[in-house]
Amino acid sequence: MNFTVMHLDEPVAHVSVSDDKRKVLIRKFVPDSYKQPFCGNREDIFRVYDFLKSRCYENERADLKQILESAGMASNNPWEWVKKTHGVTYDDFIWIRFPGETLQWKDVAIR
């Protein structure tokens, strides 16, 4: 698994996770700030999972089943969700670009 975390059209970090999830590399392109979701030096799969999970709907939502059904999903899997949504939320300008994509903020923005 690997992806680039973007703030608007600026790459802020690149994340690489080995297939066995034992090796995690987070390469930051901007210093720790409001743009950087990976502040500090911790690099592990739990940190990546927490970031991906933060880009999803909360499991406690009463309408989660309907949201997942409309997205064609059976469960609230963070990795599957961000592959569909690019991790875009209404609250900020952070999103995820995957290898080979040339998308820009205007292509994924929901507001």
PDB file of N, CA and C in Angstrom:
ATOM      1  N   MET A   1       0.858  -1.158   0.000  1.00  0.00           N
ATOM      2  CA  MET A   1       0.000   0.000   0.000  1.00  0.00           C
ATOM      3  C   MET A   1       0.907   1.224   0.000  1.00  0.00           C
ATOM      4  N   ASN A   2       0.634   2.128  -0.910  1.00  0.00           N
ATOM      5  CA  ASN A   2       1.322   3.409  -0.855  1.00  0.00           C
ATOM      6  C   ASN A   2       0.455   4.478  -1.492  1.00  0.00           C
ATOM      7  N   PHE A   3       0.637   5.694  -0.975  1.00  0.00           N
ATOM      8  CA  PHE A   3      -0.168   6.816  -1.420  1.00  0.00           C
ATOM      9  C   PHE A   3       0.509   8.109  -0.998  1.00  0.00           C
ATOM     10  N   THR A   4       0.076   9.203  -1.621  1.00  0.00           N
ATOM     11  CA  THR A   4       0.569  10.524  -1.279  1.00  0.00           C
ATOM     12  C   THR A   4      -0.556  11.294  -0.609  1.00  0.00           C
ATOM     13  N   VAL A   5      -0.251  11.896   0.519  1.00  0.00           N
ATOM     14  CA  VAL A   5      -1.218  12.743   1.211  1.00  0.00           C
ATOM     15  C   VAL A   5      -1.040  14.155   0.660  1.00  0.00           C
ATOM     16  N   MET A   6      -2.164  14.734   0.265  1.00  0.00           N
ATOM     17  CA  MET A   6      -2.151  16.060  -0.344  1.00  0.00           C
ATOM     18  C   MET A   6      -2.865  17.063   0.551  1.00  0.00           C
ATOM     19  N   HIS A   7      -2.449  18.323   0.479  1.00  0.00           N
ATOM     20  CA  HIS A   7      -3.204  19.446   1.032  1.00  0.00           C
ATOM     21  C   HIS A   7      -3.465  20.365  -0.147  1.00  0.00           C
ATOM     22  N   LEU A   8      -4.722  20.434  -0.558  1.00  0.00           N
ATOM     23  CA  LEU A   8      -5.069  21.086  -1.832  1.00  0.00           C
ATOM     24  C   LEU A   8      -4.244  20.421  -2.921  1.00  0.00           C
ATOM     25  N   ASP A   9      -3.379  21.162  -3.625  1.00  0.00           N
ATOM     26  CA  ASP A   9      -2.558  20.544  -4.673  1.00  0.00           C
ATOM     27  C   ASP A   9      -1.103  20.357  -4.265  1.00  0.00           C
ATOM     28  N   GLU A  10      -0.823  20.447  -2.977  1.00  0.00           N
ATOM     29  CA  GLU A  10       0.540  20.311  -2.468  1.00  0.00           C
ATOM     30  C   GLU A  10       0.740  18.944  -1.821  1.00  0.00           C
ATOM     31  N   PRO A  11       1.701  18.154  -2.289  1.00  0.00           N
ATOM     32  CA  PRO A  11       2.013  16.897  -1.602  1.00  0.00           C
ATOM     33  C   PRO A  11       2.632  17.211  -0.236  1.00  0.00           C
ATOM     34  N   VAL A  12       2.092  16.601   0.820  1.00  0.00           N
ATOM     35  CA  VAL A  12       2.624  16.861   2.159  1.00  0.00           C
ATOM     36  C   VAL A  12       3.334  15.648   2.739  1.00  0.00           C
ATOM     37  N   ALA A  13       2.986  14.436   2.275  1.00  0.00           N
ATOM     38  CA  ALA A  13       3.648  13.224   2.769  1.00  0.00           C
ATOM     39  C   ALA A  13       3.410  12.086   1.796  1.00  0.00           C
ATOM     40  N   HIS A  14       4.369  11.173   1.772  1.00  0.00           N
ATOM     41  CA  HIS A  14       4.187   9.940   1.011  1.00  0.00           C
ATOM     42  C   HIS A  14       4.277   8.787   1.997  1.00  0.00           C
ATOM     43  N   VAL A  15       3.310   7.881   1.910  1.00  0.00           N
ATOM     44  CA  VAL A  15       3.232   6.753   2.835  1.00  0.00           C
ATOM     45  C   VAL A  15       3.426   5.462   2.062  1.00  0.00           C
ATOM     46  N   SER A  16       4.326   4.620   2.546  1.00  0.00           N
ATOM     47  CA  SER A  16       4.550   3.293   1.974  1.00  0.00           C
ATOM     48  C   SER A  16       4.443   2.265   3.091  1.00  0.00           C
ATOM     49  N   VAL A  17       3.653   1.228   2.846  1.00  0.00           N
ATOM     50  CA  VAL A  17       3.487   0.143   3.809  1.00  0.00           C
ATOM     51  C   VAL A  17       3.772  -1.155   3.085  1.00  0.00           C
ATOM     52  N   SER A  18       4.644  -1.979   3.652  1.00  0.00           N
ATOM     53  CA  SER A  18       4.976  -3.259   3.027  1.00  0.00           C
ATOM     54  C   SER A  18       3.751  -4.166   3.027  1.00  0.00           C
ATOM     55  N   ASP A  19       3.746  -5.166   2.152  1.00  0.00           N
ATOM     56  CA  ASP A  19       2.609  -6.084   2.039  1.00  0.00           C
ATOM     57  C   ASP A  19       2.297  -6.781   3.354  1.00  0.00           C
ATOM     58  N   ASP A  20       3.317  -7.086   4.137  1.00  0.00           N
ATOM     59  CA  ASP A  20       3.071  -7.752   5.423  1.00  0.00           C
ATOM     60  C   ASP A  20       2.792  -6.743   6.551  1.00  0.00           C
ATOM     61  N   LYS A  21       2.772  -5.466   6.201  1.00  0.00           N
ATOM     62  CA  LYS A  21       2.456  -4.360   7.115  1.00  0.00           C
ATOM     63  C   LYS A  21       3.460  -4.196   8.250  1.00  0.00           C
ATOM     64  N   ARG A  22       4.640  -4.767   8.106  1.00  0.00           N
ATOM     65  CA  ARG A  22       5.672  -4.641   9.140  1.00  0.00           C
ATOM     66  C   ARG A  22       6.553  -3.420   8.952  1.00  0.00           C
ATOM     67  N   LYS A  23       6.684  -2.981   7.703  1.00  0.00           N
ATOM     68  CA  LYS A  23       7.530  -1.823   7.412  1.00  0.00           C
ATOM     69  C   LYS A  23       6.673  -0.668   6.936  1.00  0.00           C
ATOM     70  N   VAL A  24       6.804   0.446   7.625  1.00  0.00           N
ATOM     71  CA  VAL A  24       6.060   1.648   7.284  1.00  0.00           C
ATOM     72  C   VAL A  24       7.065   2.780   7.108  1.00  0.00           C
ATOM     73  N   LEU A  25       6.935   3.502   6.010  1.00  0.00           N
ATOM     74  CA  LEU A  25       7.779   4.664   5.764  1.00  0.00           C
ATOM     75  C   LEU A  25       6.865   5.847   5.468  1.00  0.00           C
ATOM     76  N   ILE A  26       7.034   6.904   6.248  1.00  0.00           N
ATOM     77  CA  ILE A  26       6.292   8.138   6.028  1.00  0.00           C
ATOM     78  C   ILE A  26       7.310   9.223   5.716  1.00  0.00           C
ATOM     79  N   ARG A  27       7.320   9.641   4.459  1.00  0.00           N
ATOM     80  CA  ARG A  27       8.257  10.681   4.030  1.00  0.00           C
ATOM     81  C   ARG A  27       7.496  12.005   3.967  1.00  0.00           C
ATOM     82  N   LYS A  28       7.880  12.932   4.834  1.00  0.00           N
ATOM     83  CA  LYS A  28       7.184  14.217   4.904  1.00  0.00           C
ATOM     84  C   LYS A  28       7.842  15.230   3.971  1.00  0.00           C
ATOM     85  N   PHE A  29       6.993  15.954   3.231  1.00  0.00           N
ATOM     86  CA  PHE A  29       7.471  16.987   2.316  1.00  0.00           C
ATOM     87  C   PHE A  29       7.302  18.380   2.901  1.00  0.00           C
ATOM     88  N   VAL A  30       6.449  18.517   3.901  1.00  0.00           N
ATOM     89  CA  VAL A  30       6.276  19.795   4.602  1.00  0.00           C
ATOM     90  C   VAL A  30       6.460  19.524   6.087  1.00  0.00           C
ATOM     91  N   PRO A  31       6.933  20.538   6.826  1.00  0.00           N
ATOM     92  CA  PRO A  31       7.153  20.339   8.264  1.00  0.00           C
ATOM     93  C   PRO A  31       5.834  20.160   9.008  1.00  0.00           C
ATOM     94  N   ASP A  32       5.945  19.751  10.264  1.00  0.00           N
ATOM     95  CA  ASP A  32       4.759  19.585  11.102  1.00  0.00           C
ATOM     96  C   ASP A  32       4.003  20.904  11.179  1.00  0.00           C
ATOM     97  N   SER A  33       2.732  20.845  10.801  1.00  0.00           N
ATOM     98  CA  SER A  33       1.878  22.029  10.787  1.00  0.00           C
ATOM     99  C   SER A  33       0.446  21.565  10.572  1.00  0.00           C
ATOM    100  N   TYR A  34      -0.465  22.493  10.394  1.00  0.00           N
ATOM    101  CA  TYR A  34      -1.864  22.124  10.143  1.00  0.00           C
ATOM    102  C   TYR A  34      -2.018  21.340   8.835  1.00  0.00           C
ATOM    103  N   LYS A  35      -1.056  21.446   7.932  1.00  0.00           N
ATOM    104  CA  LYS A  35      -1.114  20.710   6.671  1.00  0.00           C
ATOM    105  C   LYS A  35      -0.649  19.260   6.818  1.00  0.00           C
ATOM    106  N   GLN A  36       0.092  18.981   7.872  1.00  0.00           N
ATOM    107  CA  GLN A  36       0.761  17.692   8.016  1.00  0.00           C
ATOM    108  C   GLN A  36      -0.005  16.769   8.966  1.00  0.00           C
ATOM    109  N   PRO A  37      -0.666  15.718   8.453  1.00  0.00           N
ATOM    110  CA  PRO A  37      -1.389  14.811   9.336  1.00  0.00           C
ATOM    111  C   PRO A  37      -0.483  13.856  10.118  1.00  0.00           C
ATOM    112  N   PHE A  38       0.792  13.792   9.762  1.00  0.00           N
ATOM    113  CA  PHE A  38       1.726  12.885  10.419  1.00  0.00           C
ATOM    114  C   PHE A  38       2.775  13.659  11.218  1.00  0.00           C
ATOM    115  N   CYS A  39       2.322  14.515  12.117  1.00  0.00           N
ATOM    116  CA  CYS A  39       3.252  15.280  12.952  1.00  0.00           C
ATOM    117  C   CYS A  39       3.990  14.332  13.894  1.00  0.00           C
ATOM    118  N   GLY A  40       5.234  14.652  14.165  1.00  0.00           N
ATOM    119  CA  GLY A  40       6.059  13.797  15.019  1.00  0.00           C
ATOM    120  C   GLY A  40       6.815  12.779  14.194  1.00  0.00           C
ATOM    121  N   ASN A  41       7.412  11.807  14.871  1.00  0.00           N
ATOM    122  CA  ASN A  41       8.295  10.852  14.195  1.00  0.00           C
ATOM    123  C   ASN A  41       7.793   9.413  14.197  1.00  0.00           C
ATOM    124  N   ARG A  42       6.627   9.160  14.753  1.00  0.00           N
ATOM    125  CA  ARG A  42       6.126   7.783  14.835  1.00  0.00           C
ATOM    126  C   ARG A  42       5.748   7.270  13.450  1.00  0.00           C
ATOM    127  N   GLU A  43       6.302   6.118  13.089  1.00  0.00           N
ATOM    128  CA  GLU A  43       5.996   5.487  11.799  1.00  0.00           C
ATOM    129  C   GLU A  43       5.632   4.031  12.047  1.00  0.00           C
ATOM    130  N   ASP A  44       4.326   3.756  12.122  1.00  0.00           N
ATOM    131  CA  ASP A  44       3.866   2.373  12.278  1.00  0.00           C
ATOM    132  C   ASP A  44       2.492   2.225  11.634  1.00  0.00           C
ATOM    133  N   ILE A  45       2.072   0.981  11.490  1.00  0.00           N
ATOM    134  CA  ILE A  45       0.816   0.693  10.802  1.00  0.00           C
ATOM    135  C   ILE A  45      -0.376   1.272  11.554  1.00  0.00           C
ATOM    136  N   PHE A  46      -0.294   1.379  12.874  1.00  0.00           N
ATOM    137  CA  PHE A  46      -1.399   1.930  13.655  1.00  0.00           C
ATOM    138  C   PHE A  46      -1.606   3.410  13.339  1.00  0.00           C
ATOM    139  N   ARG A  47      -0.515   4.109  13.125  1.00  0.00           N
ATOM    140  CA  ARG A  47      -0.598   5.525  12.771  1.00  0.00           C
ATOM    141  C   ARG A  47      -1.251   5.693  11.402  1.00  0.00           C
ATOM    142  N   VAL A  48      -0.873   4.865  10.463  1.00  0.00           N
ATOM    143  CA  VAL A  48      -1.454   4.925   9.118  1.00  0.00           C
ATOM    144  C   VAL A  48      -2.935   4.562   9.190  1.00  0.00           C
ATOM    145  N   TYR A  49      -3.263   3.506   9.939  1.00  0.00           N
ATOM    146  CA  TYR A  49      -4.661   3.100  10.072  1.00  0.00           C
ATOM    147  C   TYR A  49      -5.491   4.216  10.707  1.00  0.00           C
ATOM    148  N   ASP A  50      -4.975   4.844  11.748  1.00  0.00           N
ATOM    149  CA  ASP A  50      -5.702   5.944  12.396  1.00  0.00           C
ATOM    150  C   ASP A  50      -5.955   7.089  11.417  1.00  0.00           C
ATOM    151  N   PHE A  51      -4.964   7.393  10.586  1.00  0.00           N
ATOM    152  CA  PHE A  51      -5.148   8.439   9.581  1.00  0.00           C
ATOM    153  C   PHE A  51      -6.241   8.043   8.589  1.00  0.00           C
ATOM    154  N   LEU A  52      -6.165   6.823   8.059  1.00  0.00           N
ATOM    155  CA  LEU A  52      -7.173   6.369   7.101  1.00  0.00           C
ATOM    156  C   LEU A  52      -8.559   6.366   7.738  1.00  0.00           C
ATOM    157  N   LYS A  53      -8.635   5.894   8.962  1.00  0.00           N
ATOM    158  CA  LYS A  53      -9.911   5.851   9.674  1.00  0.00           C
ATOM    159  C   LYS A  53     -10.485   7.254   9.868  1.00  0.00           C
ATOM    160  N   SER A  54      -9.613   8.238  10.047  1.00  0.00           N
ATOM    161  CA  SER A  54     -10.083   9.614  10.232  1.00  0.00           C
ATOM    162  C   SER A  54     -10.724  10.177   8.970  1.00  0.00           C
ATOM    163  N   ARG A  55     -10.516   9.524   7.837  1.00  0.00           N
ATOM    164  CA  ARG A  55     -11.085   9.974   6.565  1.00  0.00           C
ATOM    165  C   ARG A  55     -12.407   9.278   6.257  1.00  0.00           C
ATOM    166  N   CYS A  56     -12.913   8.462   7.186  1.00  0.00           N
ATOM    167  CA  CYS A  56     -14.136   7.682   7.001  1.00  0.00           C
ATOM    168  C   CYS A  56     -15.257   8.200   7.893  1.00  0.00           C
ATOM    169  N   TYR A  57     -16.450   7.683   7.645  1.00  0.00           N
ATOM    170  CA  TYR A  57     -17.573   7.933   8.548  1.00  0.00           C
ATOM    171  C   TYR A  57     -17.361   7.157   9.841  1.00  0.00           C
ATOM    172  N   GLU A  58     -17.883   7.687  10.940  1.00  0.00           N
ATOM    173  CA  GLU A  58     -17.755   7.047  12.234  1.00  0.00           C
ATOM    174  C   GLU A  58     -18.617   5.782  12.275  1.00  0.00           C
ATOM    175  N   ASN A  59     -18.122   4.753  12.926  1.00  0.00           N
ATOM    176  CA  ASN A  59     -18.876   3.502  13.043  1.00  0.00           C
ATOM    177  C   ASN A  59     -20.169   3.673  13.829  1.00  0.00           C
ATOM    178  N   GLU A  60     -20.255   4.697  14.650  1.00  0.00           N
ATOM    179  CA  GLU A  60     -21.420   4.912  15.504  1.00  0.00           C
ATOM    180  C   GLU A  60     -22.571   5.621  14.789  1.00  0.00           C
ATOM    181  N   ARG A  61     -22.397   6.057  13.571  1.00  0.00           N
ATOM    182  CA  ARG A  61     -23.461   6.773  12.856  1.00  0.00           C
ATOM    183  C   ARG A  61     -24.685   5.891  12.676  1.00  0.00           C
ATOM    184  N   ALA A  62     -25.841   6.450  12.955  1.00  0.00           N
ATOM    185  CA  ALA A  62     -27.095   5.704  12.807  1.00  0.00           C
ATOM    186  C   ALA A  62     -27.356   5.330  11.349  1.00  0.00           C
ATOM    187  N   ASP A  63     -26.888   6.161  10.416  1.00  0.00           N
ATOM    188  CA  ASP A  63     -27.146   5.914   9.001  1.00  0.00           C
ATOM    189  C   ASP A  63     -25.964   5.290   8.256  1.00  0.00           C
ATOM    190  N   LEU A  64     -25.018   4.720   9.006  1.00  0.00           N
ATOM    191  CA  LEU A  64     -23.822   4.164   8.372  1.00  0.00           C
ATOM    192  C   LEU A  64     -24.169   3.057   7.387  1.00  0.00           C
ATOM    193  N   LYS A  65     -25.106   2.200   7.734  1.00  0.00           N
ATOM    194  CA  LYS A  65     -25.474   1.096   6.836  1.00  0.00           C
ATOM    195  C   LYS A  65     -25.940   1.629   5.486  1.00  0.00           C
ATOM    196  N   GLN A  66     -26.747   2.678   5.495  1.00  0.00           N
ATOM    197  CA  GLN A  66     -27.241   3.263   4.248  1.00  0.00           C
ATOM    198  C   GLN A  66     -26.108   3.924   3.457  1.00  0.00           C
ATOM    199  N   ILE A  67     -25.221   4.590   4.156  1.00  0.00           N
ATOM    200  CA  ILE A  67     -24.076   5.229   3.491  1.00  0.00           C
ATOM    201  C   ILE A  67     -23.223   4.176   2.792  1.00  0.00           C
ATOM    202  N   LEU A  68     -22.913   3.099   3.512  1.00  0.00           N
ATOM    203  CA  LEU A  68     -22.095   2.034   2.932  1.00  0.00           C
ATOM    204  C   LEU A  68     -22.796   1.369   1.754  1.00  0.00           C
ATOM    205  N   GLU A  69     -24.087   1.124   1.893  1.00  0.00           N
ATOM    206  CA  GLU A  69     -24.836   0.520   0.785  1.00  0.00           C
ATOM    207  C   GLU A  69     -24.801   1.400  -0.452  1.00  0.00           C
ATOM    208  N   SER A  70     -24.953   2.711  -0.265  1.00  0.00           N
ATOM    209  CA  SER A  70     -24.933   3.616  -1.425  1.00  0.00           C
ATOM    210  C   SER A  70     -23.558   3.668  -2.077  1.00  0.00           C
ATOM    211  N   ALA A  71     -22.520   3.349  -1.306  1.00  0.00           N
ATOM    212  CA  ALA A  71     -21.162   3.308  -1.854  1.00  0.00           C
ATOM    213  C   ALA A  71     -20.795   1.919  -2.366  1.00  0.00           C
ATOM    214  N   GLY A  72     -21.717   0.955  -2.226  1.00  0.00           N
ATOM    215  CA  GLY A  72     -21.443  -0.404  -2.673  1.00  0.00           C
ATOM    216  C   GLY A  72     -20.483  -1.156  -1.772  1.00  0.00           C
ATOM    217  N   MET A  73     -20.501  -0.821  -0.477  1.00  0.00           N
ATOM    218  CA  MET A  73     -19.584  -1.445   0.472  1.00  0.00           C
ATOM    219  C   MET A  73     -20.362  -2.226   1.530  1.00  0.00           C
ATOM    220  N   ALA A  74     -19.764  -3.320   1.995  1.00  0.00           N
ATOM    221  CA  ALA A  74     -20.400  -4.145   3.019  1.00  0.00           C
ATOM    222  C   ALA A  74     -19.950  -3.761   4.423  1.00  0.00           C
ATOM    223  N   SER A  75     -18.760  -3.157   4.539  1.00  0.00           N
ATOM    224  CA  SER A  75     -18.245  -2.775   5.854  1.00  0.00           C
ATOM    225  C   SER A  75     -17.510  -1.446   5.741  1.00  0.00           C
ATOM    226  N   ASN A  76     -17.274  -0.827   6.885  1.00  0.00           N
ATOM    227  CA  ASN A  76     -16.609   0.473   6.940  1.00  0.00           C
ATOM    228  C   ASN A  76     -15.091   0.277   6.991  1.00  0.00           C
ATOM    229  N   ASN A  77     -14.550  -0.294   5.944  1.00  0.00           N
ATOM    230  CA  ASN A  77     -13.122  -0.584   5.842  1.00  0.00           C
ATOM    231  C   ASN A  77     -12.398   0.691   5.397  1.00  0.00           C
ATOM    232  N   PRO A  78     -11.529   1.251   6.254  1.00  0.00           N
ATOM    233  CA  PRO A  78     -10.878   2.521   5.910  1.00  0.00           C
ATOM    234  C   PRO A  78     -10.116   2.495   4.590  1.00  0.00           C
ATOM    235  N   TRP A  79      -9.384   1.438   4.317  1.00  0.00           N
ATOM    236  CA  TRP A  79      -8.606   1.382   3.074  1.00  0.00           C
ATOM    237  C   TRP A  79      -9.541   1.363   1.855  1.00  0.00           C
ATOM    238  N   GLU A  80     -10.587   0.559   1.912  1.00  0.00           N
ATOM    239  CA  GLU A  80     -11.533   0.500   0.797  1.00  0.00           C
ATOM    240  C   GLU A  80     -12.275   1.834   0.641  1.00  0.00           C
ATOM    241  N   TRP A  81     -12.604   2.467   1.758  1.00  0.00           N
ATOM    242  CA  TRP A  81     -13.324   3.738   1.710  1.00  0.00           C
ATOM    243  C   TRP A  81     -12.470   4.819   1.039  1.00  0.00           C
ATOM    244  N   VAL A  82     -11.202   4.943   1.437  1.00  0.00           N
ATOM    245  CA  VAL A  82     -10.384   6.014   0.851  1.00  0.00           C
ATOM    246  C   VAL A  82     -10.047   5.734  -0.607  1.00  0.00           C
ATOM    247  N   LYS A  83     -10.045   4.465  -1.010  1.00  0.00           N
ATOM    248  CA  LYS A  83      -9.844   4.180  -2.433  1.00  0.00           C
ATOM    249  C   LYS A  83     -11.018   4.708  -3.251  1.00  0.00           C
ATOM    250  N   LYS A  84     -12.213   4.710  -2.668  1.00  0.00           N
ATOM    251  CA  LYS A  84     -13.394   5.230  -3.362  1.00  0.00           C
ATOM    252  C   LYS A  84     -13.494   6.751  -3.287  1.00  0.00           C
ATOM    253  N   THR A  85     -13.113   7.320  -2.144  1.00  0.00           N
ATOM    254  CA  THR A  85     -13.365   8.741  -1.888  1.00  0.00           C
ATOM    255  C   THR A  85     -12.126   9.618  -1.939  1.00  0.00           C
ATOM    256  N   HIS A  86     -10.968   9.019  -2.070  1.00  0.00           N
ATOM    257  CA  HIS A  86      -9.689   9.720  -1.975  1.00  0.00           C
ATOM    258  C   HIS A  86      -9.517  10.391  -0.607  1.00  0.00           C
ATOM    259  N   GLY A  87     -10.280   9.916   0.372  1.00  0.00           N
ATOM    260  CA  GLY A  87     -10.143  10.428   1.733  1.00  0.00           C
ATOM    261  C   GLY A  87     -10.613  11.858   1.900  1.00  0.00           C
ATOM    262  N   VAL A  88     -11.386  12.354   0.954  1.00  0.00           N
ATOM    263  CA  VAL A  88     -11.864  13.740   1.012  1.00  0.00           C
ATOM    264  C   VAL A  88     -12.950  13.843   2.079  1.00  0.00           C
ATOM    265  N   THR A  89     -12.864  14.879   2.899  1.00  0.00           N
ATOM    266  CA  THR A  89     -13.928  15.184   3.859  1.00  0.00           C
ATOM    267  C   THR A  89     -14.343  16.639   3.661  1.00  0.00           C
ATOM    268  N   TYR A  90     -15.466  16.981   4.236  1.00  0.00           N
ATOM    269  CA  TYR A  90     -15.973  18.350   4.122  1.00  0.00           C
ATOM    270  C   TYR A  90     -15.210  19.310   5.036  1.00  0.00           C
ATOM    271  N   ASP A  91     -14.510  18.771   6.034  1.00  0.00           N
ATOM    272  CA  ASP A  91     -13.912  19.583   7.085  1.00  0.00           C
ATOM    273  C   ASP A  91     -12.542  20.181   6.775  1.00  0.00           C
ATOM    274  N   ASP A  92     -11.836  19.658   5.794  1.00  0.00           N
ATOM    275  CA  ASP A  92     -10.476  20.146   5.552  1.00  0.00           C
ATOM    276  C   ASP A  92     -10.097  19.983   4.080  1.00  0.00           C
ATOM    277  N   PHE A  93      -8.849  20.246   3.772  1.00  0.00           N
ATOM    278  CA  PHE A  93      -8.358  20.195   2.393  1.00  0.00           C
ATOM    279  C   PHE A  93      -7.346  19.067   2.184  1.00  0.00           C
ATOM    280  N   ILE A  94      -7.358  18.099   3.090  1.00  0.00           N
ATOM    281  CA  ILE A  94      -6.463  16.943   2.999  1.00  0.00           C
ATOM    282  C   ILE A  94      -7.151  15.871   2.162  1.00  0.00           C
ATOM    283  N   TRP A  95      -6.385  15.217   1.308  1.00  0.00           N
ATOM    284  CA  TRP A  95      -6.916  14.113   0.522  1.00  0.00           C
ATOM    285  C   TRP A  95      -5.779  13.194   0.118  1.00  0.00           C
ATOM    286  N   ILE A  96      -6.104  12.083  -0.528  1.00  0.00           N
ATOM    287  CA  ILE A  96      -5.119  11.065  -0.868  1.00  0.00           C
ATOM    288  C   ILE A  96      -5.076  10.882  -2.381  1.00  0.00           C
ATOM    289  N   ARG A  97      -3.835  10.906  -2.897  1.00  0.00           N
ATOM    290  CA  ARG A  97      -3.634  10.606  -4.319  1.00  0.00           C
ATOM    291  C   ARG A  97      -2.857   9.297  -4.405  1.00  0.00           C
ATOM    292  N   PHE A  98      -3.312   8.419  -5.270  1.00  0.00           N
ATOM    293  CA  PHE A  98      -2.710   7.102  -5.417  1.00  0.00           C
ATOM    294  C   PHE A  98      -1.728   7.082  -6.579  1.00  0.00           C
ATOM    295  N   PRO A  99      -0.776   6.142  -6.572  1.00  0.00           N
ATOM    296  CA  PRO A  99       0.218   6.064  -7.640  1.00  0.00           C
ATOM    297  C   PRO A  99      -0.431   6.013  -9.019  1.00  0.00           C
ATOM    298  N   GLY A 100       0.137   6.766  -9.943  1.00  0.00           N
ATOM    299  CA  GLY A 100      -0.347   6.798 -11.317  1.00  0.00           C
ATOM    300  C   GLY A 100      -1.438   7.812 -11.576  1.00  0.00           C
ATOM    301  N   GLU A 101      -1.973   8.414 -10.516  1.00  0.00           N
ATOM    302  CA  GLU A 101      -3.032   9.405 -10.694  1.00  0.00           C
ATOM    303  C   GLU A 101      -2.444  10.793 -10.914  1.00  0.00           C
ATOM    304  N   THR A 102      -3.161  11.594 -11.660  1.00  0.00           N
ATOM    305  CA  THR A 102      -2.770  12.986 -11.889  1.00  0.00           C
ATOM    306  C   THR A 102      -3.858  13.939 -11.400  1.00  0.00           C
ATOM    307  N   LEU A 103      -4.730  13.440 -10.537  1.00  0.00           N
ATOM    308  CA  LEU A 103      -5.826  14.260 -10.019  1.00  0.00           C
ATOM    309  C   LEU A 103      -5.316  15.488  -9.287  1.00  0.00           C
ATOM    310  N   GLN A 104      -6.128  16.526  -9.317  1.00  0.00           N
ATOM    311  CA  GLN A 104      -5.864  17.738  -8.558  1.00  0.00           C
ATOM    312  C   GLN A 104      -7.027  17.956  -7.612  1.00  0.00           C
ATOM    313  N   TRP A 105      -6.879  18.950  -6.698  1.00  0.00           N
ATOM    314  CA  TRP A 105      -7.916  19.238  -5.728  1.00  0.00           C
ATOM    315  C   TRP A 105      -9.268  19.476  -6.413  1.00  0.00           C
ATOM    316  N   LYS A 106      -9.266  20.218  -7.510  1.00  0.00           N
ATOM    317  CA  LYS A 106     -10.530  20.539  -8.197  1.00  0.00           C
ATOM    318  C   LYS A 106     -11.247  19.282  -8.674  1.00  0.00           C
ATOM    319  N   ASP A 107     -10.511  18.194  -8.853  1.00  0.00           N
ATOM    320  CA  ASP A 107     -11.096  16.939  -9.329  1.00  0.00           C
ATOM    321  C   ASP A 107     -11.767  16.134  -8.213  1.00  0.00           C
ATOM    322  N   VAL A 108     -11.359  16.366  -6.966  1.00  0.00           N
ATOM    323  CA  VAL A 108     -11.867  15.549  -5.856  1.00  0.00           C
ATOM    324  C   VAL A 108     -12.662  16.351  -4.819  1.00  0.00           C
ATOM    325  N   ALA A 109     -12.566  17.683  -4.870  1.00  0.00           N
ATOM    326  CA  ALA A 109     -13.220  18.514  -3.863  1.00  0.00           C
ATOM    327  C   ALA A 109     -14.728  18.311  -3.859  1.00  0.00           C
ATOM    328  N   ILE A 110     -15.300  18.310  -2.651  1.00  0.00           N
ATOM    329  CA  ILE A 110     -16.739  18.139  -2.545  1.00  0.00           C
ATOM    330  C   ILE A 110     -17.447  19.452  -2.191  1.00  0.00           C
ATOM    331  N   ARG A 111     -16.698  20.510  -2.054  1.00  0.00           N
ATOM    332  CA  ARG A 111     -17.324  21.815  -1.778  1.00  0.00           C
ATOM    333  C   ARG A 111     -16.713  22.868  -2.649  1.00  0.00           C
TER     334      ARG A 111
END
